[in-house]
């Protein structure tokens, strides 16, 4: 949950509730991070 992530504010496209999703399988997503 990124609602209190202070150092991610430059990446937010609006005000609201955000979730960060990062890494995992398969290999194509193992280095990827999204908000």
ModelCIF file with pLDDT and N, C-alpha, C, O atoms, coordinates in Angstrom:
data_MODEL
#
_entry.id   MODEL 
#
_entity.id                         1 
_entity.type                       polymer 
_entity.pdbx_number_of_molecules   1 
#
_entity_poly.entity_id                      1 
_entity_poly.type                           'polypeptide(L)' 
_entity_poly.nstd_linkage                   no 
_entity_poly.nstd_monomer                   no 
_entity_poly.pdbx_seq_one_letter_code       
;(UNK)(UNK)(UNK)(UNK)(UNK)(UNK)(UNK)(UNK)(UNK)(UNK)(UNK)(UNK)(UNK)(UNK)(UNK)(UNK)
(UNK)(UNK)(UNK)(UNK)(UNK)(UNK)(UNK)(UNK)(UNK)(UNK)(UNK)(UNK)(UNK)(UNK)(UNK)(UNK)
(UNK)(UNK)(UNK)
;
_entity_poly.pdbx_seq_one_letter_code_can   XXXXXXXXXXXXXXXXXXXXXXXXXXXXXXXXXXX 
_entity_poly.pdbx_strand_id                 A 
#
loop_
_entity_poly_seq.entity_id 
_entity_poly_seq.num 
_entity_poly_seq.mon_id 
_entity_poly_seq.hetero 
1 1  UNK n 
1 2  UNK n 
1 3  UNK n 
1 4  UNK n 
1 5  UNK n 
1 6  UNK n 
1 7  UNK n 
1 8  UNK n 
1 9  UNK n 
1 10 UNK n 
1 11 UNK n 
1 12 UNK n 
1 13 UNK n 
1 14 UNK n 
1 15 UNK n 
1 16 UNK n 
1 17 UNK n 
1 18 UNK n 
1 19 UNK n 
1 20 UNK n 
1 21 UNK n 
1 22 UNK n 
1 23 UNK n 
1 24 UNK n 
1 25 UNK n 
1 26 UNK n 
1 27 UNK n 
1 28 UNK n 
1 29 UNK n 
1 30 UNK n 
1 31 UNK n 
1 32 UNK n 
1 33 UNK n 
1 34 UNK n 
1 35 UNK n 
#
_struct_asym.id          A 
_struct_asym.entity_id   1 
#
loop_
_ma_qa_metric.id 
_ma_qa_metric.mode 
_ma_qa_metric.name 
_ma_qa_metric.software_group_id 
_ma_qa_metric.type 
1 global pLDDT . pLDDT 
2 local  pLDDT . pLDDT 
#
_ma_qa_metric_global.metric_id      1 
_ma_qa_metric_global.metric_value   74.00 
_ma_qa_metric_global.model_id       1 
_ma_qa_metric_global.ordinal_id     1 
#
loop_
_ma_qa_metric_local.label_asym_id 
_ma_qa_metric_local.label_comp_id 
_ma_qa_metric_local.label_seq_id 
_ma_qa_metric_local.metric_id 
_ma_qa_metric_local.metric_value 
_ma_qa_metric_local.model_id 
_ma_qa_metric_local.ordinal_id 
A UNK 1  2 51.00 1 1  
A UNK 2  2 45.00 1 2  
A UNK 3  2 48.00 1 3  
A UNK 4  2 54.00 1 4  
A UNK 5  2 57.00 1 5  
A UNK 6  2 54.00 1 6  
A UNK 7  2 59.00 1 7  
A UNK 8  2 58.00 1 8  
A UNK 9  2 54.00 1 9  
A UNK 10 2 55.00 1 10 
A UNK 11 2 57.00 1 11 
A UNK 12 2 55.00 1 12 
A UNK 13 2 56.00 1 13 
A UNK 14 2 57.00 1 14 
A UNK 15 2 60.00 1 15 
A UNK 16 2 66.00 1 16 
A UNK 17 2 78.00 1 17 
A UNK 18 2 81.00 1 18 
A UNK 19 2 86.00 1 19 
A UNK 20 2 89.00 1 20 
A UNK 21 2 90.00 1 21 
A UNK 22 2 92.00 1 22 
A UNK 23 2 93.00 1 23 
A UNK 24 2 93.00 1 24 
A UNK 25 2 91.00 1 25 
A UNK 26 2 92.00 1 26 
A UNK 27 2 91.00 1 27 
A UNK 28 2 90.00 1 28 
A UNK 29 2 90.00 1 29 
A UNK 30 2 93.00 1 30 
A UNK 31 2 94.00 1 31 
A UNK 32 2 92.00 1 32 
A UNK 33 2 92.00 1 33 
A UNK 34 2 89.00 1 34 
A UNK 35 2 88.00 1 35 
#
loop_
_atom_site.group_PDB 
_atom_site.id 
_atom_site.type_symbol 
_atom_site.label_atom_id 
_atom_site.label_alt_id 
_atom_site.label_comp_id 
_atom_site.label_asym_id 
_atom_site.label_entity_id 
_atom_site.label_seq_id 
_atom_site.pdbx_PDB_ins_code 
_atom_site.Cartn_x 
_atom_site.Cartn_y 
_atom_site.Cartn_z 
_atom_site.occupancy 
_atom_site.B_iso_or_equiv 
_atom_site.pdbx_formal_charge 
_atom_site.auth_seq_id 
_atom_site.auth_comp_id 
_atom_site.auth_asym_id 
_atom_site.auth_atom_id 
_atom_site.pdbx_PDB_model_num 
ATOM 1   N N  . UNK A 1 1  ? 0.847  -1.193  0.000   1.00 51.00 ? 1  UNK A N  1 
ATOM 2   C CA . UNK A 1 1  ? 0.000  0.000   0.000   1.00 51.00 ? 1  UNK A CA 1 
ATOM 3   C C  . UNK A 1 1  ? 0.879  1.237   0.000   1.00 51.00 ? 1  UNK A C  1 
ATOM 4   O O  . UNK A 1 1  ? 1.799  1.337   0.812   1.00 51.00 ? 1  UNK A O  1 
ATOM 5   N N  . UNK A 1 2  ? 0.617  2.183   -0.893  1.00 45.00 ? 2  UNK A N  1 
ATOM 6   C CA . UNK A 1 2  ? 1.479  3.354   -1.009  1.00 45.00 ? 2  UNK A CA 1 
ATOM 7   C C  . UNK A 1 2  ? 0.819  4.628   -0.514  1.00 45.00 ? 2  UNK A C  1 
ATOM 8   O O  . UNK A 1 2  ? 1.334  5.716   -0.772  1.00 45.00 ? 2  UNK A O  1 
ATOM 9   N N  . UNK A 1 3  ? -0.296 4.531   0.183   1.00 48.00 ? 3  UNK A N  1 
ATOM 10  C CA . UNK A 1 3  ? -1.001 5.740   0.592   1.00 48.00 ? 3  UNK A CA 1 
ATOM 11  C C  . UNK A 1 3  ? -0.162 6.618   1.511   1.00 48.00 ? 3  UNK A C  1 
ATOM 12  O O  . UNK A 1 3  ? -0.411 7.821   1.594   1.00 48.00 ? 3  UNK A O  1 
ATOM 13  N N  . UNK A 1 4  ? 0.830  6.051   2.207   1.00 54.00 ? 4  UNK A N  1 
ATOM 14  C CA . UNK A 1 4  ? 1.697  6.829   3.089   1.00 54.00 ? 4  UNK A CA 1 
ATOM 15  C C  . UNK A 1 4  ? 3.156  6.823   2.641   1.00 54.00 ? 4  UNK A C  1 
ATOM 16  O O  . UNK A 1 4  ? 4.046  7.110   3.442   1.00 54.00 ? 4  UNK A O  1 
ATOM 17  N N  . UNK A 1 5  ? 3.410  6.504   1.387   1.00 57.00 ? 5  UNK A N  1 
ATOM 18  C CA . UNK A 1 5  ? 4.776  6.486   0.871   1.00 57.00 ? 5  UNK A CA 1 
ATOM 19  C C  . UNK A 1 5  ? 5.169  7.893   0.460   1.00 57.00 ? 5  UNK A C  1 
ATOM 20  O O  . UNK A 1 5  ? 4.831  8.338   -0.637  1.00 57.00 ? 5  UNK A O  1 
ATOM 21  N N  . UNK A 1 6  ? 5.876  8.594   1.328   1.00 54.00 ? 6  UNK A N  1 
ATOM 22  C CA . UNK A 1 6  ? 6.172  10.002  1.086   1.00 54.00 ? 6  UNK A CA 1 
ATOM 23  C C  . UNK A 1 6  ? 7.113  10.210  -0.087  1.00 54.00 ? 6  UNK A C  1 
ATOM 24  O O  . UNK A 1 6  ? 7.012  11.234  -0.763  1.00 54.00 ? 6  UNK A O  1 
ATOM 25  N N  . UNK A 1 7  ? 8.027  9.280   -0.359  1.00 59.00 ? 7  UNK A N  1 
ATOM 26  C CA . UNK A 1 7  ? 9.008  9.522   -1.421  1.00 59.00 ? 7  UNK A CA 1 
ATOM 27  C C  . UNK A 1 7  ? 8.533  9.060   -2.788  1.00 59.00 ? 7  UNK A C  1 
ATOM 28  O O  . UNK A 1 7  ? 9.320  9.049   -3.734  1.00 59.00 ? 7  UNK A O  1 
ATOM 29  N N  . UNK A 1 8  ? 7.269  8.677   -2.920  1.00 58.00 ? 8  UNK A N  1 
ATOM 30  C CA . UNK A 1 8  ? 6.720  8.301   -4.218  1.00 58.00 ? 8  UNK A CA 1 
ATOM 31  C C  . UNK A 1 8  ? 5.804  9.363   -4.794  1.00 58.00 ? 8  UNK A C  1 
ATOM 32  O O  . UNK A 1 8  ? 5.260  9.171   -5.882  1.00 58.00 ? 8  UNK A O  1 
ATOM 33  N N  . UNK A 1 9  ? 5.615  10.481  -4.101  1.00 54.00 ? 9  UNK A N  1 
ATOM 34  C CA . UNK A 1 9  ? 4.676  11.498  -4.556  1.00 54.00 ? 9  UNK A CA 1 
ATOM 35  C C  . UNK A 1 9  ? 4.944  11.999  -5.980  1.00 54.00 ? 9  UNK A C  1 
ATOM 36  O O  . UNK A 1 9  ? 3.977  12.289  -6.685  1.00 54.00 ? 9  UNK A O  1 
ATOM 37  N N  . UNK A 1 10 ? 6.198  12.121  -6.451  1.00 55.00 ? 10 UNK A N  1 
ATOM 38  C CA . UNK A 1 10 ? 6.408  12.579  -7.825  1.00 55.00 ? 10 UNK A CA 1 
ATOM 39  C C  . UNK A 1 10 ? 5.814  11.651  -8.876  1.00 55.00 ? 10 UNK A C  1 
ATOM 40  O O  . UNK A 1 10 ? 5.603  12.072  -10.014 1.00 55.00 ? 10 UNK A O  1 
ATOM 41  N N  . UNK A 1 11 ? 5.537  10.384  -8.518  1.00 57.00 ? 11 UNK A N  1 
ATOM 42  C CA . UNK A 1 11 ? 5.029  9.427   -9.490  1.00 57.00 ? 11 UNK A CA 1 
ATOM 43  C C  . UNK A 1 11 ? 3.507  9.362   -9.505  1.00 57.00 ? 11 UNK A C  1 
ATOM 44  O O  . UNK A 1 11 ? 2.929  8.730   -10.390 1.00 57.00 ? 11 UNK A O  1 
ATOM 45  N N  . UNK A 1 12 ? 2.846  10.003  -8.543  1.00 55.00 ? 12 UNK A N  1 
ATOM 46  C CA . UNK A 1 12 ? 1.398  9.903   -8.452  1.00 55.00 ? 12 UNK A CA 1 
ATOM 47  C C  . UNK A 1 12 ? 0.748  10.759  -9.534  1.00 55.00 ? 12 UNK A C  1 
ATOM 48  O O  . UNK A 1 12 ? 1.141  11.906  -9.749  1.00 55.00 ? 12 UNK A O  1 
ATOM 49  N N  . UNK A 1 13 ? -0.250 10.194  -10.212 1.00 56.00 ? 13 UNK A N  1 
ATOM 50  C CA . UNK A 1 13 ? -0.924 10.952  -11.265 1.00 56.00 ? 13 UNK A CA 1 
ATOM 51  C C  . UNK A 1 13 ? -2.185 11.628  -10.758 1.00 56.00 ? 13 UNK A C  1 
ATOM 52  O O  . UNK A 1 13 ? -2.785 12.417  -11.488 1.00 56.00 ? 13 UNK A O  1 
ATOM 53  N N  . UNK A 1 14 ? -2.608 11.346  -9.525  1.00 57.00 ? 14 UNK A N  1 
ATOM 54  C CA . UNK A 1 14 ? -3.730 12.037  -8.907  1.00 57.00 ? 14 UNK A CA 1 
ATOM 55  C C  . UNK A 1 14 ? -3.646 11.793  -7.408  1.00 57.00 ? 14 UNK A C  1 
ATOM 56  O O  . UNK A 1 14 ? -2.797 11.026  -6.954  1.00 57.00 ? 14 UNK A O  1 
ATOM 57  N N  . UNK A 1 15 ? -4.506 12.428  -6.645  1.00 60.00 ? 15 UNK A N  1 
ATOM 58  C CA . UNK A 1 15 ? -4.545 12.143  -5.218  1.00 60.00 ? 15 UNK A CA 1 
ATOM 59  C C  . UNK A 1 15 ? -5.531 11.020  -4.973  1.00 60.00 ? 15 UNK A C  1 
ATOM 60  O O  . UNK A 1 15 ? -6.584 10.974  -5.609  1.00 60.00 ? 15 UNK A O  1 
ATOM 61  N N  . UNK A 1 16 ? -5.214 10.119  -4.070  1.00 66.00 ? 16 UNK A N  1 
ATOM 62  C CA . UNK A 1 16 ? -6.110 9.007   -3.817  1.00 66.00 ? 16 UNK A CA 1 
ATOM 63  C C  . UNK A 1 16 ? -5.408 7.892   -3.077  1.00 66.00 ? 16 UNK A C  1 
ATOM 64  O O  . UNK A 1 16 ? -4.545 8.141   -2.236  1.00 66.00 ? 16 UNK A O  1 
ATOM 65  N N  . UNK A 1 17 ? -5.780 6.660   -3.389  1.00 78.00 ? 17 UNK A N  1 
ATOM 66  C CA . UNK A 1 17 ? -5.223 5.476   -2.757  1.00 78.00 ? 17 UNK A CA 1 
ATOM 67  C C  . UNK A 1 17 ? -4.425 4.713   -3.793  1.00 78.00 ? 17 UNK A C  1 
ATOM 68  O O  . UNK A 1 17 ? -4.890 4.506   -4.914  1.00 78.00 ? 17 UNK A O  1 
ATOM 69  N N  . UNK A 1 18 ? -3.216 4.290   -3.420  1.00 81.00 ? 18 UNK A N  1 
ATOM 70  C CA . UNK A 1 18 ? -2.308 3.660   -4.365  1.00 81.00 ? 18 UNK A CA 1 
ATOM 71  C C  . UNK A 1 18 ? -1.784 2.342   -3.816  1.00 81.00 ? 18 UNK A C  1 
ATOM 72  O O  . UNK A 1 18 ? -1.661 2.158   -2.605  1.00 81.00 ? 18 UNK A O  1 
ATOM 73  N N  . UNK A 1 19 ? -1.482 1.440   -4.719  1.00 86.00 ? 19 UNK A N  1 
ATOM 74  C CA . UNK A 1 19 ? -0.874 0.164   -4.358  1.00 86.00 ? 19 UNK A CA 1 
ATOM 75  C C  . UNK A 1 19 ? 0.346  -0.045  -5.246  1.00 86.00 ? 19 UNK A C  1 
ATOM 76  O O  . UNK A 1 19 ? 0.264  0.082   -6.467  1.00 86.00 ? 19 UNK A O  1 
ATOM 77  N N  . UNK A 1 20 ? 1.473  -0.365  -4.625  1.00 89.00 ? 20 UNK A N  1 
ATOM 78  C CA . UNK A 1 20 ? 2.673  -0.713  -5.378  1.00 89.00 ? 20 UNK A CA 1 
ATOM 79  C C  . UNK A 1 20 ? 2.721  -2.223  -5.539  1.00 89.00 ? 20 UNK A C  1 
ATOM 80  O O  . UNK A 1 20 ? 2.499  -2.966  -4.583  1.00 89.00 ? 20 UNK A O  1 
ATOM 81  N N  . UNK A 1 21 ? 3.013  -2.672  -6.753  1.00 90.00 ? 21 UNK A N  1 
ATOM 82  C CA . UNK A 1 21 ? 3.181  -4.093  -7.061  1.00 90.00 ? 21 UNK A CA 1 
ATOM 83  C C  . UNK A 1 21 ? 4.580  -4.257  -7.636  1.00 90.00 ? 21 UNK A C  1 
ATOM 84  O O  . UNK A 1 21 ? 4.947  -3.569  -8.588  1.00 90.00 ? 21 UNK A O  1 
ATOM 85  N N  . UNK A 1 22 ? 5.364  -5.173  -7.059  1.00 92.00 ? 22 UNK A N  1 
ATOM 86  C CA . UNK A 1 22 ? 6.742  -5.307  -7.524  1.00 92.00 ? 22 UNK A CA 1 
ATOM 87  C C  . UNK A 1 22 ? 7.225  -6.753  -7.483  1.00 92.00 ? 22 UNK A C  1 
ATOM 88  O O  . UNK A 1 22 ? 6.839  -7.526  -6.606  1.00 92.00 ? 22 UNK A O  1 
ATOM 89  N N  . UNK A 1 23 ? 8.074  -7.105  -8.446  1.00 93.00 ? 23 UNK A N  1 
ATOM 90  C CA . UNK A 1 23 ? 8.745  -8.408  -8.593  1.00 93.00 ? 23 UNK A CA 1 
ATOM 91  C C  . UNK A 1 23 ? 7.745  -9.552  -8.725  1.00 93.00 ? 23 UNK A C  1 
ATOM 92  O O  . UNK A 1 23 ? 6.562  -9.312  -8.969  1.00 93.00 ? 23 UNK A O  1 
ATOM 93  N N  . UNK A 1 24 ? 8.208  -10.801 -8.567  1.00 93.00 ? 24 UNK A N  1 
ATOM 94  C CA . UNK A 1 24 ? 7.352  -11.976 -8.677  1.00 93.00 ? 24 UNK A CA 1 
ATOM 95  C C  . UNK A 1 24 ? 7.580  -12.754 -9.961  1.00 93.00 ? 24 UNK A C  1 
ATOM 96  O O  . UNK A 1 24 ? 8.411  -12.374 -10.786 1.00 93.00 ? 24 UNK A O  1 
ATOM 97  N N  . UNK A 1 25 ? 6.841  -13.839 -10.129 1.00 91.00 ? 25 UNK A N  1 
ATOM 98  C CA . UNK A 1 25 ? 6.907  -14.679 -11.315 1.00 91.00 ? 25 UNK A CA 1 
ATOM 99  C C  . UNK A 1 25 ? 5.784  -14.259 -12.277 1.00 91.00 ? 25 UNK A C  1 
ATOM 100 O O  . UNK A 1 25 ? 4.756  -13.749 -11.832 1.00 91.00 ? 25 UNK A O  1 
ATOM 101 N N  . UNK A 1 26 ? 5.971  -14.472 -13.606 1.00 92.00 ? 26 UNK A N  1 
ATOM 102 C CA . UNK A 1 26 ? 7.090  -15.120 -14.288 1.00 92.00 ? 26 UNK A CA 1 
ATOM 103 C C  . UNK A 1 26 ? 8.313  -14.206 -14.397 1.00 92.00 ? 26 UNK A C  1 
ATOM 104 O O  . UNK A 1 26 ? 8.312  -13.091 -13.876 1.00 92.00 ? 26 UNK A O  1 
ATOM 105 N N  . UNK A 1 27 ? 9.340  -14.684 -15.070 1.00 91.00 ? 27 UNK A N  1 
ATOM 106 C CA . UNK A 1 27 ? 10.588 -13.930 -15.187 1.00 91.00 ? 27 UNK A CA 1 
ATOM 107 C C  . UNK A 1 27 ? 10.363 -12.550 -15.781 1.00 91.00 ? 27 UNK A C  1 
ATOM 108 O O  . UNK A 1 27 ? 11.062 -11.605 -15.416 1.00 91.00 ? 27 UNK A O  1 
ATOM 109 N N  . UNK A 1 28 ? 9.404  -12.414 -16.686 1.00 90.00 ? 28 UNK A N  1 
ATOM 110 C CA . UNK A 1 28 ? 9.151  -11.131 -17.335 1.00 90.00 ? 28 UNK A CA 1 
ATOM 111 C C  . UNK A 1 28 ? 8.696  -10.046 -16.351 1.00 90.00 ? 28 UNK A C  1 
ATOM 112 O O  . UNK A 1 28 ? 8.829  -8.857  -16.642 1.00 90.00 ? 28 UNK A O  1 
ATOM 113 N N  . UNK A 1 29 ? 8.163  -10.441 -15.193 1.00 90.00 ? 29 UNK A N  1 
ATOM 114 C CA . UNK A 1 29 ? 7.735  -9.453  -14.194 1.00 90.00 ? 29 UNK A CA 1 
ATOM 115 C C  . UNK A 1 29 ? 8.649  -9.403  -12.983 1.00 90.00 ? 29 UNK A C  1 
ATOM 116 O O  . UNK A 1 29 ? 8.388  -8.646  -12.048 1.00 90.00 ? 29 UNK A O  1 
ATOM 117 N N  . UNK A 1 30 ? 9.722  -10.199 -12.980 1.00 93.00 ? 30 UNK A N  1 
ATOM 118 C CA . UNK A 1 30 ? 10.552 -10.371 -11.784 1.00 93.00 ? 30 UNK A CA 1 
ATOM 119 C C  . UNK A 1 30 ? 11.365 -9.143  -11.407 1.00 93.00 ? 30 UNK A C  1 
ATOM 120 O O  . UNK A 1 30 ? 11.884 -9.075  -10.293 1.00 93.00 ? 30 UNK A O  1 
ATOM 121 N N  . UNK A 1 31 ? 11.491 -8.163  -12.314 1.00 94.00 ? 31 UNK A N  1 
ATOM 122 C CA . UNK A 1 31 ? 12.188 -6.912  -11.990 1.00 94.00 ? 31 UNK A CA 1 
ATOM 123 C C  . UNK A 1 31 ? 11.275 -5.700  -12.135 1.00 94.00 ? 31 UNK A C  1 
ATOM 124 O O  . UNK A 1 31 ? 11.734 -4.568  -11.986 1.00 94.00 ? 31 UNK A O  1 
ATOM 125 N N  . UNK A 1 32 ? 10.010 -5.913  -12.417 1.00 92.00 ? 32 UNK A N  1 
ATOM 126 C CA . UNK A 1 32 ? 9.109  -4.809  -12.748 1.00 92.00 ? 32 UNK A CA 1 
ATOM 127 C C  . UNK A 1 32 ? 8.353  -4.305  -11.524 1.00 92.00 ? 32 UNK A C  1 
ATOM 128 O O  . UNK A 1 32 ? 7.961  -5.077  -10.649 1.00 92.00 ? 32 UNK A O  1 
ATOM 129 N N  . UNK A 1 33 ? 8.160  -2.985  -11.488 1.00 92.00 ? 33 UNK A N  1 
ATOM 130 C CA . UNK A 1 33 ? 7.426  -2.332  -10.416 1.00 92.00 ? 33 UNK A CA 1 
ATOM 131 C C  . UNK A 1 33 ? 6.384  -1.400  -11.027 1.00 92.00 ? 33 UNK A C  1 
ATOM 132 O O  . UNK A 1 33 ? 6.680  -0.658  -11.963 1.00 92.00 ? 33 UNK A O  1 
ATOM 133 N N  . UNK A 1 34 ? 5.165  -1.441  -10.496 1.00 89.00 ? 34 UNK A N  1 
ATOM 134 C CA . UNK A 1 34 ? 4.089  -0.589  -10.982 1.00 89.00 ? 34 UNK A CA 1 
ATOM 135 C C  . UNK A 1 34 ? 3.348  0.024   -9.792  1.00 89.00 ? 34 UNK A C  1 
ATOM 136 O O  . UNK A 1 34 ? 3.355  -0.526  -8.691  1.00 89.00 ? 34 UNK A O  1 
ATOM 137 N N  . UNK A 1 35 ? 2.709  1.174   -10.033 1.00 88.00 ? 35 UNK A N  1 
ATOM 138 C CA . UNK A 1 35 ? 1.814  1.781   -9.048  1.00 88.00 ? 35 UNK A CA 1 
ATOM 139 C C  . UNK A 1 35 ? 0.414  1.825   -9.642  1.00 88.00 ? 35 UNK A C  1 
ATOM 140 O O  . UNK A 1 35 ? -0.518 2.298   -8.991  1.00 88.00 ? 35 UNK A O  1 
#
